[in-house]
Amino acid sequence: MAGLTIDEQAARDTIVENLKKKKGKSKFYLKDFYKMFPDEKVRAVKNLVNKMVGEEILEYWSSGSTTLIGLKGAGKQAATEED
């Protein structure tokens, strides 16, 4: 399995920081994560995102036709799900 060429913890920090500073947007397409790491292989980035979902740092959100990814507990959807 191909891994990241950069430090995994640095990549995790980059993802969390990028998601937190996107004002007004809490869910992202997987391709948005690829753009954060243009020099990395797509599979390595996808594997890291999946790992972070498994660790409950990130979460998947589906509209039925589209799957988006965001920080766990962030965004309007999270507030309505808890009510």
PDB file of N, CA and C in Angstrom:
ATOM      1  N   MET A   1       0.847  -1.185   0.000  1.00  0.00           N
ATOM      2  CA  MET A   1       0.000   0.000   0.000  1.00  0.00           C
ATOM      3  C   MET A   1       0.886   1.240   0.000  1.00  0.00           C
ATOM      4  N   ALA A   2       0.563   2.165  -0.867  1.00  0.00           N
ATOM      5  CA  ALA A   2       1.339   3.402  -0.972  1.00  0.00           C
ATOM      6  C   ALA A   2       0.976   4.331   0.181  1.00  0.00           C
ATOM      7  N   GLY A   3       2.002   4.888   0.834  1.00  0.00           N
ATOM      8  CA  GLY A   3       1.768   5.788   1.956  1.00  0.00           C
ATOM      9  C   GLY A   3       2.054   7.225   1.572  1.00  0.00           C
ATOM     10  N   LEU A   4       1.878   8.088   2.520  1.00  0.00           N
ATOM     11  CA  LEU A   4       2.155   9.507   2.321  1.00  0.00           C
ATOM     12  C   LEU A   4       3.665   9.731   2.262  1.00  0.00           C
ATOM     13  N   THR A   5       4.075  10.706   1.486  1.00  0.00           N
ATOM     14  CA  THR A   5       5.493  11.062   1.443  1.00  0.00           C
ATOM     15  C   THR A   5       5.819  12.088   2.521  1.00  0.00           C
ATOM     16  N   ILE A   6       4.772  12.706   3.111  1.00  0.00           N
ATOM     17  CA  ILE A   6       4.979  13.642   4.222  1.00  0.00           C
ATOM     18  C   ILE A   6       4.578  12.951   5.522  1.00  0.00           C
ATOM     19  N   ASP A   7       4.926  13.540   6.642  1.00  0.00           N
ATOM     20  CA  ASP A   7       4.596  13.003   7.957  1.00  0.00           C
ATOM     21  C   ASP A   7       3.079  12.929   8.128  1.00  0.00           C
ATOM     22  N   GLU A   8       2.593  11.779   8.604  1.00  0.00           N
ATOM     23  CA  GLU A   8       1.145  11.587   8.745  1.00  0.00           C
ATOM     24  C   GLU A   8       0.526  12.591   9.708  1.00  0.00           C
ATOM     25  N   GLN A   9       1.193  12.876  10.817  1.00  0.00           N
ATOM     26  CA  GLN A   9       0.638  13.830  11.778  1.00  0.00           C
ATOM     27  C   GLN A   9       0.573  15.231  11.168  1.00  0.00           C
ATOM     28  N   ALA A  10       1.560  15.590  10.388  1.00  0.00           N
ATOM     29  CA  ALA A  10       1.537  16.895   9.704  1.00  0.00           C
ATOM     30  C   ALA A  10       0.368  16.949   8.719  1.00  0.00           C
ATOM     31  N   ALA A  11       0.119  15.851   8.031  1.00  0.00           N
ATOM     32  CA  ALA A  11      -0.999  15.796   7.084  1.00  0.00           C
ATOM     33  C   ALA A  11      -2.335  15.922   7.820  1.00  0.00           C
ATOM     34  N   ARG A  12      -2.459  15.242   8.951  1.00  0.00           N
ATOM     35  CA  ARG A  12      -3.688  15.334   9.755  1.00  0.00           C
ATOM     36  C   ARG A  12      -3.922  16.777  10.210  1.00  0.00           C
ATOM     37  N   ASP A  13      -2.853  17.406  10.698  1.00  0.00           N
ATOM     38  CA  ASP A  13      -2.957  18.792  11.162  1.00  0.00           C
ATOM     39  C   ASP A  13      -3.369  19.714  10.019  1.00  0.00           C
ATOM     40  N   THR A  14      -2.809  19.489   8.846  1.00  0.00           N
ATOM     41  CA  THR A  14      -3.152  20.294   7.672  1.00  0.00           C
ATOM     42  C   THR A  14      -4.629  20.153   7.334  1.00  0.00           C
ATOM     43  N   ILE A  15      -5.139  18.929   7.368  1.00  0.00           N
ATOM     44  CA  ILE A  15      -6.558  18.694   7.064  1.00  0.00           C
ATOM     45  C   ILE A  15      -7.445  19.425   8.061  1.00  0.00           C
ATOM     46  N   VAL A  16      -7.190  19.237   9.344  1.00  0.00           N
ATOM     47  CA  VAL A  16      -8.030  19.865  10.376  1.00  0.00           C
ATOM     48  C   VAL A  16      -7.963  21.388  10.277  1.00  0.00           C
ATOM     49  N   GLU A  17      -6.771  21.937  10.111  1.00  0.00           N
ATOM     50  CA  GLU A  17      -6.624  23.393   9.998  1.00  0.00           C
ATOM     51  C   GLU A  17      -7.363  23.937   8.787  1.00  0.00           C
ATOM     52  N   ASN A  18      -7.235  23.247   7.634  1.00  0.00           N
ATOM     53  CA  ASN A  18      -7.914  23.700   6.423  1.00  0.00           C
ATOM     54  C   ASN A  18      -9.424  23.653   6.571  1.00  0.00           C
ATOM     55  N   LEU A  19      -9.947  22.621   7.202  1.00  0.00           N
ATOM     56  CA  LEU A  19     -11.395  22.515   7.373  1.00  0.00           C
ATOM     57  C   LEU A  19     -11.917  23.560   8.344  1.00  0.00           C
ATOM     58  N   LYS A  20     -11.161  23.859   9.383  1.00  0.00           N
ATOM     59  CA  LYS A  20     -11.597  24.851  10.375  1.00  0.00           C
ATOM     60  C   LYS A  20     -11.609  26.267   9.814  1.00  0.00           C
ATOM     61  N   LYS A  21     -10.719  26.583   8.880  1.00  0.00           N
ATOM     62  CA  LYS A  21     -10.659  27.966   8.395  1.00  0.00           C
ATOM     63  C   LYS A  21     -11.571  28.245   7.204  1.00  0.00           C
ATOM     64  N   LYS A  22     -12.290  27.243   6.719  1.00  0.00           N
ATOM     65  CA  LYS A  22     -13.237  27.453   5.619  1.00  0.00           C
ATOM     66  C   LYS A  22     -14.538  27.973   6.206  1.00  0.00           C
ATOM     67  N   LYS A  23     -14.696  29.265   6.197  1.00  0.00           N
ATOM     68  CA  LYS A  23     -15.873  29.892   6.795  1.00  0.00           C
ATOM     69  C   LYS A  23     -17.118  29.631   5.940  1.00  0.00           C
ATOM     70  N   GLY A  24     -18.197  29.252   6.603  1.00  0.00           N
ATOM     71  CA  GLY A  24     -19.465  29.041   5.914  1.00  0.00           C
ATOM     72  C   GLY A  24     -19.576  27.697   5.220  1.00  0.00           C
ATOM     73  N   LYS A  25     -18.554  26.886   5.322  1.00  0.00           N
ATOM     74  CA  LYS A  25     -18.578  25.583   4.663  1.00  0.00           C
ATOM     75  C   LYS A  25     -18.042  24.548   5.637  1.00  0.00           C
ATOM     76  N   SER A  26     -18.809  23.474   5.856  1.00  0.00           N
ATOM     77  CA  SER A  26     -18.370  22.469   6.818  1.00  0.00           C
ATOM     78  C   SER A  26     -18.192  21.078   6.198  1.00  0.00           C
ATOM     79  N   LYS A  27     -18.689  20.883   4.982  1.00  0.00           N
ATOM     80  CA  LYS A  27     -18.584  19.586   4.323  1.00  0.00           C
ATOM     81  C   LYS A  27     -17.854  19.746   2.992  1.00  0.00           C
ATOM     82  N   PHE A  28     -17.029  18.759   2.669  1.00  0.00           N
ATOM     83  CA  PHE A  28     -16.168  18.859   1.492  1.00  0.00           C
ATOM     84  C   PHE A  28     -16.171  17.566   0.697  1.00  0.00           C
ATOM     85  N   TYR A  29     -15.927  17.708  -0.594  1.00  0.00           N
ATOM     86  CA  TYR A  29     -15.766  16.543  -1.459  1.00  0.00           C
ATOM     87  C   TYR A  29     -14.392  15.940  -1.208  1.00  0.00           C
ATOM     88  N   LEU A  30     -14.244  14.657  -1.489  1.00  0.00           N
ATOM     89  CA  LEU A  30     -12.952  14.003  -1.336  1.00  0.00           C
ATOM     90  C   LEU A  30     -11.897  14.687  -2.197  1.00  0.00           C
ATOM     91  N   LYS A  31     -12.301  15.166  -3.379  1.00  0.00           N
ATOM     92  CA  LYS A  31     -11.339  15.834  -4.272  1.00  0.00           C
ATOM     93  C   LYS A  31     -10.751  17.100  -3.633  1.00  0.00           C
ATOM     94  N   ASP A  32     -11.479  17.714  -2.698  1.00  0.00           N
ATOM     95  CA  ASP A  32     -10.953  18.885  -1.992  1.00  0.00           C
ATOM     96  C   ASP A  32      -9.754  18.506  -1.120  1.00  0.00           C
ATOM     97  N   PHE A  33      -9.778  17.292  -0.599  1.00  0.00           N
ATOM     98  CA  PHE A  33      -8.654  16.811   0.217  1.00  0.00           C
ATOM     99  C   PHE A  33      -7.437  16.551  -0.671  1.00  0.00           C
ATOM    100  N   TYR A  34      -7.684  16.073  -1.877  1.00  0.00           N
ATOM    101  CA  TYR A  34      -6.579  15.836  -2.819  1.00  0.00           C
ATOM    102  C   TYR A  34      -5.869  17.152  -3.139  1.00  0.00           C
ATOM    103  N   LYS A  35      -6.630  18.236  -3.233  1.00  0.00           N
ATOM    104  CA  LYS A  35      -6.051  19.547  -3.550  1.00  0.00           C
ATOM    105  C   LYS A  35      -5.152  20.059  -2.421  1.00  0.00           C
ATOM    106  N   MET A  36      -5.409  19.603  -1.192  1.00  0.00           N
ATOM    107  CA  MET A  36      -4.571  20.011  -0.061  1.00  0.00           C
ATOM    108  C   MET A  36      -3.173  19.407  -0.169  1.00  0.00           C
ATOM    109  N   PHE A  37      -3.081  18.290  -0.885  1.00  0.00           N
ATOM    110  CA  PHE A  37      -1.816  17.559  -1.008  1.00  0.00           C
ATOM    111  C   PHE A  37      -1.540  17.222  -2.473  1.00  0.00           C
ATOM    112  N   PRO A  38      -1.260  18.233  -3.279  1.00  0.00           N
ATOM    113  CA  PRO A  38      -1.100  18.002  -4.726  1.00  0.00           C
ATOM    114  C   PRO A  38       0.058  17.078  -5.093  1.00  0.00           C
ATOM    115  N   ASP A  39       1.039  16.933  -4.216  1.00  0.00           N
ATOM    116  CA  ASP A  39       2.189  16.081  -4.516  1.00  0.00           C
ATOM    117  C   ASP A  39       2.013  14.644  -4.019  1.00  0.00           C
ATOM    118  N   GLU A  40       0.894  14.373  -3.363  1.00  0.00           N
ATOM    119  CA  GLU A  40       0.645  13.028  -2.823  1.00  0.00           C
ATOM    120  C   GLU A  40      -0.208  12.208  -3.789  1.00  0.00           C
ATOM    121  N   LYS A  41      -0.086  10.903  -3.683  1.00  0.00           N
ATOM    122  CA  LYS A  41      -0.920  10.014  -4.482  1.00  0.00           C
ATOM    123  C   LYS A  41      -2.342  10.051  -3.927  1.00  0.00           C
ATOM    124  N   VAL A  42      -3.309   9.992  -4.832  1.00  0.00           N
ATOM    125  CA  VAL A  42      -4.722  10.052  -4.463  1.00  0.00           C
ATOM    126  C   VAL A  42      -5.058   8.963  -3.441  1.00  0.00           C
ATOM    127  N   ARG A  43      -4.575   7.761  -3.661  1.00  0.00           N
ATOM    128  CA  ARG A  43      -4.884   6.644  -2.764  1.00  0.00           C
ATOM    129  C   ARG A  43      -4.370   6.907  -1.344  1.00  0.00           C
ATOM    130  N   ALA A  44      -3.202   7.490  -1.206  1.00  0.00           N
ATOM    131  CA  ALA A  44      -2.636   7.768   0.111  1.00  0.00           C
ATOM    132  C   ALA A  44      -3.499   8.783   0.865  1.00  0.00           C
ATOM    133  N   VAL A  45      -3.965   9.813   0.159  1.00  0.00           N
ATOM    134  CA  VAL A  45      -4.819  10.830   0.785  1.00  0.00           C
ATOM    135  C   VAL A  45      -6.161  10.201   1.174  1.00  0.00           C
ATOM    136  N   LYS A  46      -6.728   9.407   0.267  1.00  0.00           N
ATOM    137  CA  LYS A  46      -8.008   8.744   0.543  1.00  0.00           C
ATOM    138  C   LYS A  46      -7.887   7.827   1.760  1.00  0.00           C
ATOM    139  N   ASN A  47      -6.794   7.087   1.854  1.00  0.00           N
ATOM    140  CA  ASN A  47      -6.588   6.190   2.987  1.00  0.00           C
ATOM    141  C   ASN A  47      -6.492   6.968   4.297  1.00  0.00           C
ATOM    142  N   LEU A  48      -5.810   8.108   4.276  1.00  0.00           N
ATOM    143  CA  LEU A  48      -5.702   8.929   5.480  1.00  0.00           C
ATOM    144  C   LEU A  48      -7.069   9.472   5.889  1.00  0.00           C
ATOM    145  N   VAL A  49      -7.847   9.958   4.926  1.00  0.00           N
ATOM    146  CA  VAL A  49      -9.191  10.480   5.225  1.00  0.00           C
ATOM    147  C   VAL A  49     -10.050   9.365   5.826  1.00  0.00           C
ATOM    148  N   ASN A  50     -10.012   8.177   5.228  1.00  0.00           N
ATOM    149  CA  ASN A  50     -10.788   7.053   5.758  1.00  0.00           C
ATOM    150  C   ASN A  50     -10.350   6.692   7.177  1.00  0.00           C
ATOM    151  N   LYS A  51      -9.063   6.740   7.431  1.00  0.00           N
ATOM    152  CA  LYS A  51      -8.524   6.445   8.761  1.00  0.00           C
ATOM    153  C   LYS A  51      -9.030   7.479   9.772  1.00  0.00           C
ATOM    154  N   MET A  52      -9.043   8.745   9.361  1.00  0.00           N
ATOM    155  CA  MET A  52      -9.513   9.808  10.251  1.00  0.00           C
ATOM    156  C   MET A  52     -11.015   9.687  10.514  1.00  0.00           C
ATOM    157  N   VAL A  53     -11.774   9.182   9.542  1.00  0.00           N
ATOM    158  CA  VAL A  53     -13.199   8.927   9.760  1.00  0.00           C
ATOM    159  C   VAL A  53     -13.358   7.802  10.782  1.00  0.00           C
ATOM    160  N   GLY A  54     -12.564   6.756  10.635  1.00  0.00           N
ATOM    161  CA  GLY A  54     -12.610   5.640  11.576  1.00  0.00           C
ATOM    162  C   GLY A  54     -12.258   6.046  12.997  1.00  0.00           C
ATOM    163  N   GLU A  55     -11.405   7.049  13.120  1.00  0.00           N
ATOM    164  CA  GLU A  55     -11.007   7.565  14.435  1.00  0.00           C
ATOM    165  C   GLU A  55     -11.956   8.647  14.935  1.00  0.00           C
ATOM    166  N   GLU A  56     -12.994   8.917  14.171  1.00  0.00           N
ATOM    167  CA  GLU A  56     -14.030   9.905  14.495  1.00  0.00           C
ATOM    168  C   GLU A  56     -13.511  11.332  14.592  1.00  0.00           C
ATOM    169  N   ILE A  57     -12.474  11.631  13.825  1.00  0.00           N
ATOM    170  CA  ILE A  57     -11.997  13.009  13.696  1.00  0.00           C
ATOM    171  C   ILE A  57     -12.809  13.671  12.588  1.00  0.00           C
ATOM    172  N   LEU A  58     -13.023  12.922  11.515  1.00  0.00           N
ATOM    173  CA  LEU A  58     -13.855  13.353  10.395  1.00  0.00           C
ATOM    174  C   LEU A  58     -15.088  12.464  10.342  1.00  0.00           C
ATOM    175  N   GLU A  59     -16.086  12.894   9.571  1.00  0.00           N
ATOM    176  CA  GLU A  59     -17.275  12.064   9.377  1.00  0.00           C
ATOM    177  C   GLU A  59     -17.790  12.228   7.958  1.00  0.00           C
ATOM    178  N   TYR A  60     -18.417  11.168   7.479  1.00  0.00           N
ATOM    179  CA  TYR A  60     -19.065  11.210   6.172  1.00  0.00           C
ATOM    180  C   TYR A  60     -20.464  11.769   6.340  1.00  0.00           C
ATOM    181  N   TRP A  61     -20.932  12.474   5.333  1.00  0.00           N
ATOM    182  CA  TRP A  61     -22.304  12.955   5.284  1.00  0.00           C
ATOM    183  C   TRP A  61     -22.804  12.685   3.881  1.00  0.00           C
ATOM    184  N   SER A  62     -23.981  12.112   3.776  1.00  0.00           N
ATOM    185  CA  SER A  62     -24.510  11.782   2.460  1.00  0.00           C
ATOM    186  C   SER A  62     -25.858  12.429   2.241  1.00  0.00           C
ATOM    187  N   SER A  63     -26.025  12.975   1.033  1.00  0.00           N
ATOM    188  CA  SER A  63     -27.310  13.540   0.654  1.00  0.00           C
ATOM    189  C   SER A  63     -28.158  12.494  -0.051  1.00  0.00           C
ATOM    190  N   GLY A  64     -27.593  11.329  -0.252  1.00  0.00           N
ATOM    191  CA  GLY A  64     -28.278  10.283  -0.992  1.00  0.00           C
ATOM    192  C   GLY A  64     -27.615  10.064  -2.335  1.00  0.00           C
ATOM    193  N   SER A  65     -27.158  11.154  -2.931  1.00  0.00           N
ATOM    194  CA  SER A  65     -26.485  11.041  -4.230  1.00  0.00           C
ATOM    195  C   SER A  65     -25.023  11.474  -4.156  1.00  0.00           C
ATOM    196  N   THR A  66     -24.685  12.223  -3.124  1.00  0.00           N
ATOM    197  CA  THR A  66     -23.336  12.749  -2.974  1.00  0.00           C
ATOM    198  C   THR A  66     -22.844  12.490  -1.558  1.00  0.00           C
ATOM    199  N   THR A  67     -21.602  12.087  -1.434  1.00  0.00           N
ATOM    200  CA  THR A  67     -21.006  11.898  -0.121  1.00  0.00           C
ATOM    201  C   THR A  67     -19.974  12.996   0.108  1.00  0.00           C
ATOM    202  N   LEU A  68     -20.121  13.678   1.224  1.00  0.00           N
ATOM    203  CA  LEU A  68     -19.201  14.739   1.612  1.00  0.00           C
ATOM    204  C   LEU A  68     -18.524  14.342   2.918  1.00  0.00           C
ATOM    205  N   ILE A  69     -17.446  15.043   3.247  1.00  0.00           N
ATOM    206  CA  ILE A  69     -16.672  14.741   4.445  1.00  0.00           C
ATOM    207  C   ILE A  69     -16.440  16.039   5.201  1.00  0.00           C
ATOM    208  N   GLY A  70     -16.566  15.989   6.515  1.00  0.00           N
ATOM    209  CA  GLY A  70     -16.314  17.172   7.329  1.00  0.00           C
ATOM    210  C   GLY A  70     -15.811  16.783   8.698  1.00  0.00           C
ATOM    211  N   LEU A  71     -15.464  17.783   9.489  1.00  0.00           N
ATOM    212  CA  LEU A  71     -15.046  17.537  10.865  1.00  0.00           C
ATOM    213  C   LEU A  71     -16.236  17.001  11.653  1.00  0.00           C
ATOM    214  N   LYS A  72     -16.001  16.010  12.473  1.00  0.00           N
ATOM    215  CA  LYS A  72     -17.082  15.422  13.262  1.00  0.00           C
ATOM    216  C   LYS A  72     -17.707  16.479  14.162  1.00  0.00           C
ATOM    217  N   GLY A  73     -19.030  16.597  14.092  1.00  0.00           N
ATOM    218  CA  GLY A  73     -19.757  17.532  14.946  1.00  0.00           C
ATOM    219  C   GLY A  73     -19.776  18.959  14.464  1.00  0.00           C
ATOM    220  N   ALA A  74     -19.244  19.229  13.268  1.00  0.00           N
ATOM    221  CA  ALA A  74     -19.219  20.608  12.749  1.00  0.00           C
ATOM    222  C   ALA A  74     -20.329  20.811  11.726  1.00  0.00           C
ATOM    223  N   GLY A  75     -20.842  22.015  11.645  1.00  0.00           N
ATOM    224  CA  GLY A  75     -21.802  22.356  10.617  1.00  0.00           C
ATOM    225  C   GLY A  75     -23.243  22.317  11.100  1.00  0.00           C
ATOM    226  N   LYS A  76     -24.132  22.832  10.260  1.00  0.00           N
ATOM    227  CA  LYS A  76     -25.546  22.914  10.584  1.00  0.00           C
ATOM    228  C   LYS A  76     -26.185  21.545  10.748  1.00  0.00           C
ATOM    229  N   GLN A  77     -25.792  20.600   9.906  1.00  0.00           N
ATOM    230  CA  GLN A  77     -26.370  19.262   9.955  1.00  0.00           C
ATOM    231  C   GLN A  77     -26.157  18.611  11.318  1.00  0.00           C
ATOM    232  N   ALA A  78     -25.001  18.790  11.914  1.00  0.00           N
ATOM    233  CA  ALA A  78     -24.693  18.192  13.204  1.00  0.00           C
ATOM    234  C   ALA A  78     -25.650  18.711  14.276  1.00  0.00           C
ATOM    235  N   ALA A  79     -25.973  19.984  14.226  1.00  0.00           N
ATOM    236  CA  ALA A  79     -26.871  20.573  15.217  1.00  0.00           C
ATOM    237  C   ALA A  79     -28.275  19.995  15.083  1.00  0.00           C
ATOM    238  N   THR A  80     -28.759  19.782  13.881  1.00  0.00           N
ATOM    239  CA  THR A  80     -30.106  19.268  13.707  1.00  0.00           C
ATOM    240  C   THR A  80     -30.198  17.791  14.028  1.00  0.00           C
ATOM    241  N   GLU A  81     -29.128  17.045  13.858  1.00  0.00           N
ATOM    242  CA  GLU A  81     -29.146  15.615  14.151  1.00  0.00           C
ATOM    243  C   GLU A  81     -29.253  15.353  15.650  1.00  0.00           C
ATOM    244  N   GLU A  82     -28.765  16.271  16.479  1.00  0.00           N
ATOM    245  CA  GLU A  82     -28.779  16.058  17.926  1.00  0.00           C
ATOM    246  C   GLU A  82     -30.114  16.422  18.554  1.00  0.00           C
ATOM    247  N   ASP A  83     -30.954  17.162  17.852  1.00  0.00           N
ATOM    248  CA  ASP A  83     -32.245  17.594  18.411  1.00  0.00           C
ATOM    249  C   ASP A  83     -33.227  16.446  18.488  1.00  0.00           C
TER     250      ASP A  83
END
